[in-house]
C-alpha atoms as a PDB file:
ATOM      1  CA  MET A   1     -49.977  50.230  17.613  1.00  0.00           C
ATOM      2  CA  ARG A   2     -53.278  48.721  16.552  1.00  0.00           C
ATOM      3  CA  ILE A   3     -53.859  46.287  13.705  1.00  0.00           C
ATOM      4  CA  GLY A   4     -57.584  46.386  13.183  1.00  0.00           C
ATOM      5  CA  SER A   5     -59.052  45.858  16.652  1.00  0.00           C
ATOM      6  CA  ILE A   6     -55.894  44.164  17.940  1.00  0.00           C
ATOM      7  CA  GLU A   7     -53.715  46.155  20.299  1.00  0.00           C
ATOM      8  CA  ILE A   8     -49.996  45.359  19.947  1.00  0.00           C
ATOM      9  CA  THR A   9     -48.352  46.115  23.258  1.00  0.00           C
ATOM     10  CA  GLY A  10     -44.693  46.041  22.204  1.00  0.00           C
ATOM     11  CA  LYS A  11     -42.541  47.591  19.505  1.00  0.00           C
ATOM     12  CA  VAL A  12     -40.794  44.538  18.078  1.00  0.00           C
ATOM     13  CA  GLY A  13     -42.226  41.517  16.270  1.00  0.00           C
ATOM     14  CA  LEU A  14     -40.809  38.392  14.641  1.00  0.00           C
ATOM     15  CA  ALA A  15     -40.599  38.644  10.845  1.00  0.00           C
ATOM     16  CA  PRO A  16     -41.730  35.697   8.713  1.00  0.00           C
ATOM     17  CA  MET A  17     -38.855  33.552   7.451  1.00  0.00           C
ATOM     18  CA  ALA A  18     -39.373  30.534   5.217  1.00  0.00           C
ATOM     19  CA  GLY A  19     -38.095  27.366   6.830  1.00  0.00           C
ATOM     20  CA  VAL A  20     -37.479  29.115  10.147  1.00  0.00           C
ATOM     21  CA  THR A  21     -40.523  30.670  11.804  1.00  0.00           C
ATOM     22  CA  ASP A  22     -42.304  27.430  12.582  1.00  0.00           C
ATOM     23  CA  ARG A  23     -44.440  26.899  15.674  1.00  0.00           C
ATOM     24  CA  ALA A  24     -41.535  25.956  17.944  1.00  0.00           C
ATOM     25  CA  PHE A  25     -39.441  28.986  17.006  1.00  0.00           C
ATOM     26  CA  ARG A  26     -42.411  31.361  17.207  1.00  0.00           C
ATOM     27  CA  GLU A  27     -43.176  30.120  20.707  1.00  0.00           C
ATOM     28  CA  VAL A  28     -39.581  30.656  21.843  1.00  0.00           C
ATOM     29  CA  CYS A  29     -39.528  34.187  20.430  1.00  0.00           C
ATOM     30  CA  ALA A  30     -42.871  35.046  22.033  1.00  0.00           C
ATOM     31  CA  GLN A  31     -41.617  33.754  25.375  1.00  0.00           C
ATOM     32  CA  ASN A  32     -38.609  36.048  25.012  1.00  0.00           C
ATOM     33  CA  GLY A  33     -40.511  39.232  24.284  1.00  0.00           C
ATOM     34  CA  ALA A  34     -41.654  39.256  20.644  1.00  0.00           C
ATOM     35  CA  ALA A  35     -44.791  41.421  20.585  1.00  0.00           C
ATOM     36  CA  TRP A  36     -46.234  39.389  17.717  1.00  0.00           C
ATOM     37  CA  THR A  37     -45.157  36.621  15.368  1.00  0.00           C
ATOM     38  CA  VAL A  38     -45.828  35.718  11.731  1.00  0.00           C
ATOM     39  CA  THR A  39     -45.980  32.280  10.145  1.00  0.00           C
ATOM     40  CA  GLU A  40     -43.798  31.141   7.311  1.00  0.00           C
ATOM     41  CA  MET A  41     -45.286  32.299   4.013  1.00  0.00           C
ATOM     42  CA  VAL A  42     -47.970  29.962   2.709  1.00  0.00           C
ATOM     43  CA  SER A  43     -49.135  29.520  -0.865  1.00  0.00           C
ATOM     44  CA  ALA A  44     -52.769  30.547  -1.309  1.00  0.00           C
ATOM     45  CA  LYS A  45     -52.910  28.213  -4.287  1.00  0.00           C
ATOM     46  CA  GLY A  46     -51.569  25.371  -2.141  1.00  0.00           C
ATOM     47  CA  LEU A  47     -54.304  25.980   0.404  1.00  0.00           C
ATOM     48  CA  CYS A  48     -56.955  25.951  -2.324  1.00  0.00           C
ATOM     49  CA  TYR A  49     -55.597  22.664  -3.672  1.00  0.00           C
ATOM     50  CA  GLY A  50     -55.716  21.107  -0.204  1.00  0.00           C
ATOM     51  CA  ASP A  51     -51.954  20.790   0.129  1.00  0.00           C
ATOM     52  CA  ARG A  52     -51.275  19.201   3.524  1.00  0.00           C
ATOM     53  CA  LYS A  53     -48.004  21.021   4.188  1.00  0.00           C
ATOM     54  CA  SER A  54     -49.556  24.405   3.423  1.00  0.00           C
ATOM     55  CA  HIS A  55     -52.220  23.809   6.041  1.00  0.00           C
ATOM     56  CA  GLU A  56     -49.669  22.483   8.541  1.00  0.00           C
ATOM     57  CA  LEU A  57     -47.709  25.725   8.268  1.00  0.00           C
ATOM     58  CA  LEU A  58     -50.785  27.547   9.542  1.00  0.00           C
ATOM     59  CA  GLU A  59     -51.207  25.511  12.719  1.00  0.00           C
ATOM     60  CA  LEU A  60     -51.018  28.030  15.550  1.00  0.00           C
ATOM     61  CA  ASP A  61     -50.551  28.069  19.311  1.00  0.00           C
ATOM     62  CA  ASP A  62     -52.076  30.515  21.762  1.00  0.00           C
ATOM     63  CA  ASP A  63     -48.686  30.800  23.485  1.00  0.00           C
ATOM     64  CA  ALA A  64     -47.272  32.710  20.498  1.00  0.00           C
ATOM     65  CA  ARG A  65     -50.147  35.137  19.942  1.00  0.00           C
ATOM     66  CA  PRO A  66     -50.839  37.502  18.449  1.00  0.00           C
ATOM     67  CA  THR A  67     -49.849  35.649  15.281  1.00  0.00           C
ATOM     68  CA  ALA A  68     -50.424  36.618  11.664  1.00  0.00           C
ATOM     69  CA  ALA A  69     -50.726  34.095   8.847  1.00  0.00           C
ATOM     70  CA  GLN A  70     -48.730  35.169   5.810  1.00  0.00           C
ATOM     71  CA  LEU A  71     -50.001  34.260   2.344  1.00  0.00           C
ATOM     72  CA  PHE A  72     -48.542  34.689  -1.106  1.00  0.00           C
ATOM     73  CA  GLY A  73     -50.113  34.640  -4.545  1.00  0.00           C
ATOM     74  CA  ASP A  74     -50.828  36.870  -7.530  1.00  0.00           C
ATOM     75  CA  ASP A  75     -54.467  36.114  -8.337  1.00  0.00           C
ATOM     76  CA  PRO A  76     -57.060  38.062  -6.306  1.00  0.00           C
ATOM     77  CA  ALA A  77     -59.675  35.310  -6.504  1.00  0.00           C
ATOM     78  CA  ILE A  78     -57.285  32.565  -5.423  1.00  0.00           C
ATOM     79  CA  LEU A  79     -55.777  34.725  -2.696  1.00  0.00           C
ATOM     80  CA  ALA A  80     -59.267  35.493  -1.402  1.00  0.00           C
ATOM     81  CA  GLU A  81     -60.168  31.807  -1.313  1.00  0.00           C
ATOM     82  CA  GLY A  82     -56.864  31.019   0.370  1.00  0.00           C
ATOM     83  CA  ALA A  83     -57.607  33.727   2.923  1.00  0.00           C
ATOM     84  CA  LYS A  84     -60.889  32.022   3.843  1.00  0.00           C
ATOM     85  CA  LEU A  85     -59.091  28.726   4.343  1.00  0.00           C
ATOM     86  CA  ALA A  86     -56.309  30.390   6.342  1.00  0.00           C
ATOM     87  CA  ALA A  87     -58.883  32.128   8.535  1.00  0.00           C
ATOM     88  CA  ALA A  88     -60.146  28.720   9.659  1.00  0.00           C
ATOM     89  CA  HIS A  89     -56.817  28.302  11.488  1.00  0.00           C
ATOM     90  CA  ARG A  90     -57.702  31.344  13.631  1.00  0.00           C
ATOM     91  CA  PRO A  91     -54.808  33.720  12.993  1.00  0.00           C
ATOM     92  CA  ASP A  92     -55.141  37.184  14.493  1.00  0.00           C
ATOM     93  CA  TRP A  93     -54.739  38.771  11.083  1.00  0.00           C
ATOM     94  CA  LEU A  94     -53.650  37.951   7.539  1.00  0.00           C
ATOM     95  CA  ASP A  95     -50.462  39.257   5.951  1.00  0.00           C
ATOM     96  CA  ILE A  96     -49.785  39.351   2.195  1.00  0.00           C
ATOM     97  CA  ASN A  97     -46.203  38.783   1.089  1.00  0.00           C
ATOM     98  CA  MET A  98     -45.180  41.416  -1.448  1.00  0.00           C
ATOM     99  CA  GLY A  99     -41.517  41.402  -0.535  1.00  0.00           C
ATOM    100  CA  CYS A 100     -39.995  37.931  -0.943  1.00  0.00           C
ATOM    101  CA  PRO A 101     -36.990  38.204  -3.292  1.00  0.00           C
ATOM    102  CA  ALA A 102     -36.469  34.453  -3.835  1.00  0.00           C
ATOM    103  CA  PRO A 103     -36.353  33.582  -7.543  1.00  0.00           C
ATOM    104  CA  LYS A 104     -38.891  30.767  -7.205  1.00  0.00           C
ATOM    105  CA  ILE A 105     -41.379  33.247  -5.697  1.00  0.00           C
ATOM    106  CA  ALA A 106     -40.638  36.491  -7.537  1.00  0.00           C
ATOM    107  CA  GLY A 107     -40.028  34.545 -10.736  1.00  0.00           C
ATOM    108  CA  ASN A 108     -43.634  33.367 -10.579  1.00  0.00           C
ATOM    109  CA  HIS A 109     -44.952  36.932 -10.302  1.00  0.00           C
ATOM    110  CA  CYS A 110     -45.472  36.698  -6.540  1.00  0.00           C
ATOM    111  CA  GLY A 111     -43.653  38.242  -3.589  1.00  0.00           C
ATOM    112  CA  SER A 112     -41.608  41.293  -4.543  1.00  0.00           C
ATOM    113  CA  ALA A 113     -42.609  40.986  -8.222  1.00  0.00           C
ATOM    114  CA  LEU A 114     -46.067  42.251  -7.253  1.00  0.00           C
ATOM    115  CA  MET A 115     -44.569  45.684  -6.610  1.00  0.00           C
ATOM    116  CA  ARG A 116     -44.250  46.158 -10.349  1.00  0.00           C
ATOM    117  CA  ASP A 117     -48.043  46.473 -10.479  1.00  0.00           C
ATOM    118  CA  PRO A 118     -49.385  48.735  -7.698  1.00  0.00           C
ATOM    119  CA  GLU A 119     -52.954  48.389  -8.956  1.00  0.00           C
ATOM    120  CA  LEU A 120     -52.721  44.607  -8.642  1.00  0.00           C
ATOM    121  CA  CYS A 121     -51.418  45.103  -5.107  1.00  0.00           C
ATOM    122  CA  ARG A 122     -54.525  47.143  -4.315  1.00  0.00           C
ATOM    123  CA  LYS A 123     -56.786  44.468  -5.801  1.00  0.00           C
ATOM    124  CA  LEU A 124     -55.077  41.697  -3.838  1.00  0.00           C
ATOM    125  CA  VAL A 125     -55.494  43.531  -0.539  1.00  0.00           C
ATOM    126  CA  ALA A 126     -59.116  44.365  -1.298  1.00  0.00           C
ATOM    127  CA  ALA A 127     -59.869  40.769  -2.266  1.00  0.00           C
ATOM    128  CA  VAL A 128     -58.459  39.380   0.974  1.00  0.00           C
ATOM    129  CA  ARG A 129     -60.045  42.147   3.017  1.00  0.00           C
ATOM    130  CA  ASN A 130     -63.465  41.332   1.580  1.00  0.00           C
ATOM    131  CA  ALA A 131     -63.021  37.575   1.997  1.00  0.00           C
ATOM    132  CA  THR A 132     -62.820  37.474   5.805  1.00  0.00           C
ATOM    133  CA  ASP A 133     -63.423  39.604   8.873  1.00  0.00           C
ATOM    134  CA  LEU A 134     -59.717  39.564   9.747  1.00  0.00           C
ATOM    135  CA  PRO A 135     -57.457  42.615   9.409  1.00  0.00           C
ATOM    136  CA  VAL A 136     -55.060  42.497   6.451  1.00  0.00           C
ATOM    137  CA  THR A 137     -51.470  43.723   6.423  1.00  0.00           C
ATOM    138  CA  VAL A 138     -48.790  43.649   3.734  1.00  0.00           C
ATOM    139  CA  LYS A 139     -45.015  43.313   3.688  1.00  0.00           C
ATOM    140  CA  ILE A 140     -43.271  45.152   0.864  1.00  0.00           C
ATOM    141  CA  ARG A 141     -39.763  46.197  -0.130  1.00  0.00           C
ATOM    142  CA  LYS A 142     -38.181  49.452  -1.221  1.00  0.00           C
ATOM    143  CA  GLY A 143     -38.933  48.411  -4.792  1.00  0.00           C
ATOM    144  CA  PHE A 144     -38.114  45.752  -7.335  1.00  0.00           C
ATOM    145  CA  SER A 145     -34.811  47.246  -8.495  1.00  0.00           C
ATOM    146  CA  LYS A 146     -32.776  50.420  -8.179  1.00  0.00           C
ATOM    147  CA  ASP A 147     -34.691  51.769 -11.185  1.00  0.00           C
ATOM    148  CA  GLU A 148     -38.059  50.726  -9.757  1.00  0.00           C
ATOM    149  CA  VAL A 149     -38.195  52.264  -6.296  1.00  0.00           C
ATOM    150  CA  ASN A 150     -41.921  52.647  -5.649  1.00  0.00           C
ATOM    151  CA  ALA A 151     -42.575  51.628  -2.043  1.00  0.00           C
ATOM    152  CA  VAL A 152     -44.580  54.813  -1.425  1.00  0.00           C
ATOM    153  CA  GLU A 153     -46.859  54.208  -4.401  1.00  0.00           C
ATOM    154  CA  VAL A 154     -47.376  50.557  -3.504  1.00  0.00           C
ATOM    155  CA  ALA A 155     -48.037  51.400   0.140  1.00  0.00           C
ATOM    156  CA  GLN A 156     -50.663  53.950  -0.848  1.00  0.00           C
ATOM    157  CA  ALA A 157     -52.283  51.407  -3.158  1.00  0.00           C
ATOM    158  CA  CYS A 158     -52.372  48.831  -0.366  1.00  0.00           C
ATOM    159  CA  GLU A 159     -53.880  51.358   2.023  1.00  0.00           C
ATOM    160  CA  ALA A 160     -56.532  52.143  -0.578  1.00  0.00           C
ATOM    161  CA  GLY A 161     -57.285  48.423  -0.772  1.00  0.00           C
ATOM    162  CA  GLY A 162     -57.897  48.271   2.960  1.00  0.00           C
ATOM    163  CA  ALA A 163     -54.536  47.342   4.504  1.00  0.00           C
ATOM    164  CA  ALA A 164     -54.484  47.814   8.277  1.00  0.00           C
ATOM    165  CA  ALA A 165     -50.680  48.163   8.442  1.00  0.00           C
ATOM    166  CA  ILE A 166     -47.714  48.058   6.101  1.00  0.00           C
ATOM    167  CA  ALA A 167     -44.272  46.578   6.785  1.00  0.00           C
ATOM    168  CA  VAL A 168     -41.397  47.938   4.693  1.00  0.00           C
ATOM    169  CA  HIS A 169     -38.038  46.256   4.133  1.00  0.00           C
ATOM    170  CA  GLY A 170     -35.562  48.943   3.141  1.00  0.00           C
ATOM    171  CA  ARG A 171     -33.971  47.037   0.256  1.00  0.00           C
ATOM    172  CA  THR A 172     -34.968  46.351  -3.333  1.00  0.00           C
ATOM    173  CA  ARG A 173     -35.594  42.866  -4.609  1.00  0.00           C
ATOM    174  CA  ASP A 174     -32.313  42.968  -6.545  1.00  0.00           C
ATOM    175  CA  GLN A 175     -30.410  43.647  -3.342  1.00  0.00           C
ATOM    176  CA  MET A 176     -31.837  40.546  -1.643  1.00  0.00           C
ATOM    177  CA  TYR A 177     -30.316  41.012   1.839  1.00  0.00           C
ATOM    178  CA  ALA A 178     -27.079  42.765   0.858  1.00  0.00           C
ATOM    179  CA  PRO A 179     -26.208  46.201   2.243  1.00  0.00           C
ATOM    180  CA  PRO A 180     -26.927  49.001   2.277  1.00  0.00           C
ATOM    181  CA  VAL A 181     -30.415  49.169   3.706  1.00  0.00           C
ATOM    182  CA  ASP A 182     -32.389  52.370   3.103  1.00  0.00           C
ATOM    183  CA  TRP A 183     -34.266  53.576   6.159  1.00  0.00           C
ATOM    184  CA  ASP A 184     -35.242  56.786   4.348  1.00  0.00           C
ATOM    185  CA  ILE A 185     -37.772  54.838   2.268  1.00  0.00           C
ATOM    186  CA  ILE A 186     -39.404  53.606   5.481  1.00  0.00           C
ATOM    187  CA  ARG A 187     -39.734  57.210   6.645  1.00  0.00           C
ATOM    188  CA  ALA A 188     -41.163  58.213   3.260  1.00  0.00           C
ATOM    189  CA  VAL A 189     -43.824  55.496   3.481  1.00  0.00           C
ATOM    190  CA  LYS A 190     -44.661  56.499   7.049  1.00  0.00           C
ATOM    191  CA  GLN A 191     -45.242  60.079   5.903  1.00  0.00           C
ATOM    192  CA  ALA A 192     -47.365  58.962   2.939  1.00  0.00           C
ATOM    193  CA  VAL A 193     -49.939  56.709   4.638  1.00  0.00           C
ATOM    194  CA  SER A 194     -52.165  56.934   7.687  1.00  0.00           C
ATOM    195  CA  VAL A 195     -52.022  53.278   8.786  1.00  0.00           C
ATOM    196  CA  PRO A 196     -49.218  51.965  11.020  1.00  0.00           C
ATOM    197  CA  VAL A 197     -45.877  51.379   9.302  1.00  0.00           C
ATOM    198  CA  ILE A 198     -43.503  48.661  10.486  1.00  0.00           C
ATOM    199  CA  GLY A 199     -39.801  49.005   9.667  1.00  0.00           C
ATOM    200  CA  ASN A 200     -37.605  46.094   8.661  1.00  0.00           C
ATOM    201  CA  GLY A 201     -33.964  45.723   7.723  1.00  0.00           C
ATOM    202  CA  ASP A 202     -30.644  45.704   9.597  1.00  0.00           C
ATOM    203  CA  VAL A 203     -32.062  46.018  13.100  1.00  0.00           C
ATOM    204  CA  THR A 204     -29.831  43.702  15.081  1.00  0.00           C
ATOM    205  CA  ASP A 205     -29.718  45.081  18.625  1.00  0.00           C
ATOM    206  CA  PRO A 206     -31.254  47.659  20.973  1.00  0.00           C
ATOM    207  CA  HIS A 207     -29.226  50.536  19.574  1.00  0.00           C
ATOM    208  CA  SER A 208     -30.176  49.964  15.935  1.00  0.00           C
ATOM    209  CA  ALA A 209     -33.794  49.444  16.980  1.00  0.00           C
ATOM    210  CA  ALA A 210     -33.874  52.773  18.770  1.00  0.00           C
ATOM    211  CA  ARG A 211     -32.259  54.481  15.791  1.00  0.00           C
ATOM    212  CA  MET A 212     -34.780  53.054  13.337  1.00  0.00           C
ATOM    213  CA  LEU A 213     -37.701  54.193  15.447  1.00  0.00           C
ATOM    214  CA  GLU A 214     -36.229  57.673  15.774  1.00  0.00           C
ATOM    215  CA  GLU A 215     -34.983  58.134  12.214  1.00  0.00           C
ATOM    216  CA  THR A 216     -37.994  56.722  10.380  1.00  0.00           C
ATOM    217  CA  GLY A 217     -40.858  57.488  12.747  1.00  0.00           C
ATOM    218  CA  CYS A 218     -42.157  53.962  12.152  1.00  0.00           C
ATOM    219  CA  ASP A 219     -44.651  52.539  14.601  1.00  0.00           C
ATOM    220  CA  ALA A 220     -42.884  49.221  15.208  1.00  0.00           C
ATOM    221  CA  ILE A 221     -40.096  46.978  13.952  1.00  0.00           C
ATOM    222  CA  LEU A 222     -39.822  43.484  12.513  1.00  0.00           C
ATOM    223  CA  ILE A 223     -36.772  41.414  13.456  1.00  0.00           C
ATOM    224  CA  GLY A 224     -35.755  38.579  11.159  1.00  0.00           C
ATOM    225  CA  ARG A 225     -32.227  37.263  10.818  1.00  0.00           C
ATOM    226  CA  ALA A 226     -31.068  38.895  14.063  1.00  0.00           C
ATOM    227  CA  ALA A 227     -33.328  36.473  15.958  1.00  0.00           C
ATOM    228  CA  LEU A 228     -31.659  33.357  14.537  1.00  0.00           C
ATOM    229  CA  GLY A 229     -30.090  31.607  17.500  1.00  0.00           C
ATOM    230  CA  ASN A 230     -30.866  34.746  19.477  1.00  0.00           C
ATOM    231  CA  PRO A 231     -34.574  34.850  20.391  1.00  0.00           C
ATOM    232  CA  TRP A 232     -33.855  37.002  23.444  1.00  0.00           C
ATOM    233  CA  VAL A 233     -33.015  39.891  21.090  1.00  0.00           C
ATOM    234  CA  PHE A 234     -36.645  40.912  21.649  1.00  0.00           C
ATOM    235  CA  ALA A 235     -36.272  41.098  25.427  1.00  0.00           C
ATOM    236  CA  ASP A 236     -32.988  42.925  24.931  1.00  0.00           C
ATOM    237  CA  ILE A 237     -34.604  45.582  22.740  1.00  0.00           C
ATOM    238  CA  ASN A 238     -37.662  45.828  24.992  1.00  0.00           C
ATOM    239  CA  ALA A 239     -35.466  46.479  28.025  1.00  0.00           C
ATOM    240  CA  TRP A 240     -33.488  49.158  26.207  1.00  0.00           C
ATOM    241  CA  LEU A 241     -36.589  50.945  24.928  1.00  0.00           C
ATOM    242  CA  SER A 242     -38.098  50.955  28.405  1.00  0.00           C
ATOM    243  CA  ALA A 243     -36.889  53.077  31.277  1.00  0.00           C
ATOM    244  CA  GLU A 244     -34.431  50.324  32.200  1.00  0.00           C
ATOM    245  CA  ARG A 245     -31.972  51.271  29.436  1.00  0.00           C
ATOM    246  CA  MET A 246     -30.092  48.021  29.902  1.00  0.00           C
ATOM    247  CA  THR A 247     -29.003  45.184  27.634  1.00  0.00           C
ATOM    248  CA  TYR A 248     -29.022  41.459  28.196  1.00  0.00           C
ATOM    249  CA  THR A 249     -26.521  38.891  26.988  1.00  0.00           C
ATOM    250  CA  PRO A 250     -27.542  35.350  27.940  1.00  0.00           C
ATOM    251  CA  PRO A 251     -24.948  33.003  29.394  1.00  0.00           C
ATOM    252  CA  LEU A 252     -23.951  29.983  27.349  1.00  0.00           C
ATOM    253  CA  SER A 253     -26.038  27.737  29.577  1.00  0.00           C
ATOM    254  CA  LYS A 254     -29.157  29.738  28.665  1.00  0.00           C
ATOM    255  CA  ARG A 255     -28.381  29.506  24.967  1.00  0.00           C
ATOM    256  CA  LEU A 256     -27.984  25.741  25.140  1.00  0.00           C
ATOM    257  CA  LEU A 257     -31.105  25.267  27.249  1.00  0.00           C
ATOM    258  CA  THR A 258     -33.174  27.341  24.809  1.00  0.00           C
ATOM    259  CA  LEU A 259     -31.863  25.296  21.888  1.00  0.00           C
ATOM    260  CA  LEU A 260     -32.853  22.092  23.671  1.00  0.00           C
ATOM    261  CA  GLN A 261     -36.305  23.414  24.571  1.00  0.00           C
ATOM    262  CA  GLN A 262     -36.995  24.611  21.043  1.00  0.00           C
ATOM    263  CA  THR A 263     -35.869  21.328  19.527  1.00  0.00           C
ATOM    264  CA  SER A 264     -37.865  19.284  22.014  1.00  0.00           C
ATOM    265  CA  ARG A 265     -40.982  21.233  21.083  1.00  0.00           C
ATOM    266  CA  ALA A 266     -40.263  20.787  17.374  1.00  0.00           C
ATOM    267  CA  ILE A 267     -40.006  17.029  17.904  1.00  0.00           C
ATOM    268  CA  GLU A 268     -43.437  17.047  19.553  1.00  0.00           C
ATOM    269  CA  LEU A 269     -44.875  18.822  16.533  1.00  0.00           C
ATOM    270  CA  LYS A 270     -43.000  17.214  13.622  1.00  0.00           C
ATOM    271  CA  GLY A 271     -41.429  14.021  14.855  1.00  0.00           C
ATOM    272  CA  GLU A 272     -37.770  13.427  15.617  1.00  0.00           C
ATOM    273  CA  LYS A 273     -36.577  12.752  12.063  1.00  0.00           C
ATOM    274  CA  VAL A 274     -37.795  16.021  10.551  1.00  0.00           C
ATOM    275  CA  ALA A 275     -37.154  18.115  13.649  1.00  0.00           C
ATOM    276  CA  MET A 276     -33.546  16.969  13.995  1.00  0.00           C
ATOM    277  CA  LEU A 277     -32.754  17.741  10.382  1.00  0.00           C
ATOM    278  CA  GLU A 278     -34.009  21.266  10.975  1.00  0.00           C
ATOM    279  CA  ALA A 279     -32.251  21.453  14.351  1.00  0.00           C
ATOM    280  CA  ARG A 280     -28.897  21.271  12.594  1.00  0.00           C
ATOM    281  CA  LYS A 281     -29.173  24.823  11.257  1.00  0.00           C
ATOM    282  CA  HIS A 282     -30.663  26.141  14.507  1.00  0.00           C
ATOM    283  CA  ALA A 283     -27.787  24.612  16.474  1.00  0.00           C
ATOM    284  CA  GLY A 284     -25.354  26.415  14.194  1.00  0.00           C
ATOM    285  CA  TRP A 285     -27.095  29.714  14.872  1.00  0.00           C
ATOM    286  CA  TYR A 286     -27.235  29.202  18.641  1.00  0.00           C
ATOM    287  CA  LEU A 287     -23.538  28.310  18.741  1.00  0.00           C
ATOM    288  CA  HIS A 288     -22.440  31.208  16.545  1.00  0.00           C
ATOM    289  CA  GLY A 289     -19.653  33.294  17.996  1.00  0.00           C
ATOM    290  CA  ILE A 290     -18.392  30.894  20.660  1.00  0.00           C
ATOM    291  CA  THR A 291     -14.854  29.550  20.539  1.00  0.00           C
ATOM    292  CA  GLY A 292     -14.735  26.389  18.449  1.00  0.00           C
ATOM    293  CA  ALA A 293     -18.104  27.101  16.802  1.00  0.00           C
ATOM    294  CA  ALA A 294     -17.028  25.718  13.423  1.00  0.00           C
ATOM    295  CA  ALA A 295     -16.109  22.335  14.928  1.00  0.00           C
ATOM    296  CA  TYR A 296     -19.360  22.206  16.888  1.00  0.00           C
ATOM    297  CA  ARG A 297     -21.350  23.004  13.736  1.00  0.00           C
ATOM    298  CA  ARG A 298     -19.709  20.088  11.957  1.00  0.00           C
ATOM    299  CA  ILE A 299     -20.908  17.817  14.754  1.00  0.00           C
ATOM    300  CA  ALA A 300     -24.358  19.398  14.639  1.00  0.00           C
ATOM    301  CA  ASN A 301     -24.622  18.661  10.935  1.00  0.00           C
ATOM    302  CA  THR A 302     -24.449  14.933  11.675  1.00  0.00           C
ATOM    303  CA  MET A 303     -27.179  14.858  14.346  1.00  0.00           C
ATOM    304  CA  THR A 304     -30.093  12.512  13.816  1.00  0.00           C
ATOM    305  CA  THR A 305     -31.555  12.135  17.319  1.00  0.00           C
ATOM    306  CA  PHE A 306     -32.348  14.369  20.270  1.00  0.00           C
ATOM    307  CA  ASP A 307     -29.770  12.416  22.275  1.00  0.00           C
ATOM    308  CA  ASP A 308     -27.170  13.590  19.755  1.00  0.00           C
ATOM    309  CA  LEU A 309     -28.110  17.194  20.511  1.00  0.00           C
ATOM    310  CA  ILE A 310     -28.002  16.588  24.257  1.00  0.00           C
ATOM    311  CA  ALA A 311     -24.518  15.123  23.890  1.00  0.00           C
ATOM    312  CA  LEU A 312     -23.364  18.114  21.832  1.00  0.00           C
ATOM    313  CA  CYS A 313     -24.721  20.585  24.368  1.00  0.00           C
ATOM    314  CA  LYS A 314     -23.001  18.719  27.191  1.00  0.00           C
ATOM    315  CA  GLN A 315     -19.728  18.818  25.260  1.00  0.00           C
ATOM    316  CA  VAL A 316     -20.022  22.545  24.592  1.00  0.00           C
ATOM    317  CA  GLU A 317     -20.915  23.234  28.223  1.00  0.00           C
ATOM    318  CA  ALA A 318     -17.981  21.174  29.478  1.00  0.00           C
ATOM    319  CA  GLU A 319     -15.470  22.779  27.118  1.00  0.00           C
ATOM    320  CA  ARG A 320     -16.731  26.368  27.003  1.00  0.00           C
ATOM    321  CA  GLY A 321     -19.037  26.814  30.004  1.00  0.00           C
END
């Protein structure tokens, strides 16, 4: 799959997730086989206003490339200006969020609410495309509601605006992340446009990844929630899709070591106070499914220092290793 002039060598990338896909997590996923990564979504308006946090979200590392910077907004002029500012951070391409279902985003006419106006979607893509030399992709949903299923129309509008690829989440905005997911809409979009189509929704393991590729004909897949506490899901899927046809389940020691490495990197980037607050949820994800996980999560939710995390990992290893 190519996005503009960029050749993507694998089939599975890391989906953008607010509050999750920071630099440390993107690096871990790239190290474990993610073919590309995407930043947390960033407000174009925030970039234009010089918001420090918005710019920090776009700080990138070569170790996690190729990386796309994801922007959101509903004004073509502001999105174009935000694209210029985002381009200064040297992403490999720019992605426009047209799929976020969160009330604070969709309620402000951004994210998935944009799908109610396909012509605006076209204008937004064209504005960003004309603002920089970077390729532009979009991430959309099945539609806004069960009565407004228009992913095909929106995808065609985005292609007309100059989109280099289109990612489709097979749920409406009203569904949020609740089942069922509709892979048929991904296939319909793939048949309706000529640019690469990336499928998203309910791919959790090698078998579901293979099924999505076969049933929808999509060019690649985005993995989101299935990577939480499980960044090696990419290597697992890659191995299955290759001639190896094997799966990989990491031992507990590997899970704990990865958690420590990710947190250590986050501390380098954000400082211990912020990184450890965020490490609480990551620890919960990494420990999911092991015996006594609930008790370990309670301990994790009290952590304030990296030493606290080291102590927890030693306890888990001693009791469950």
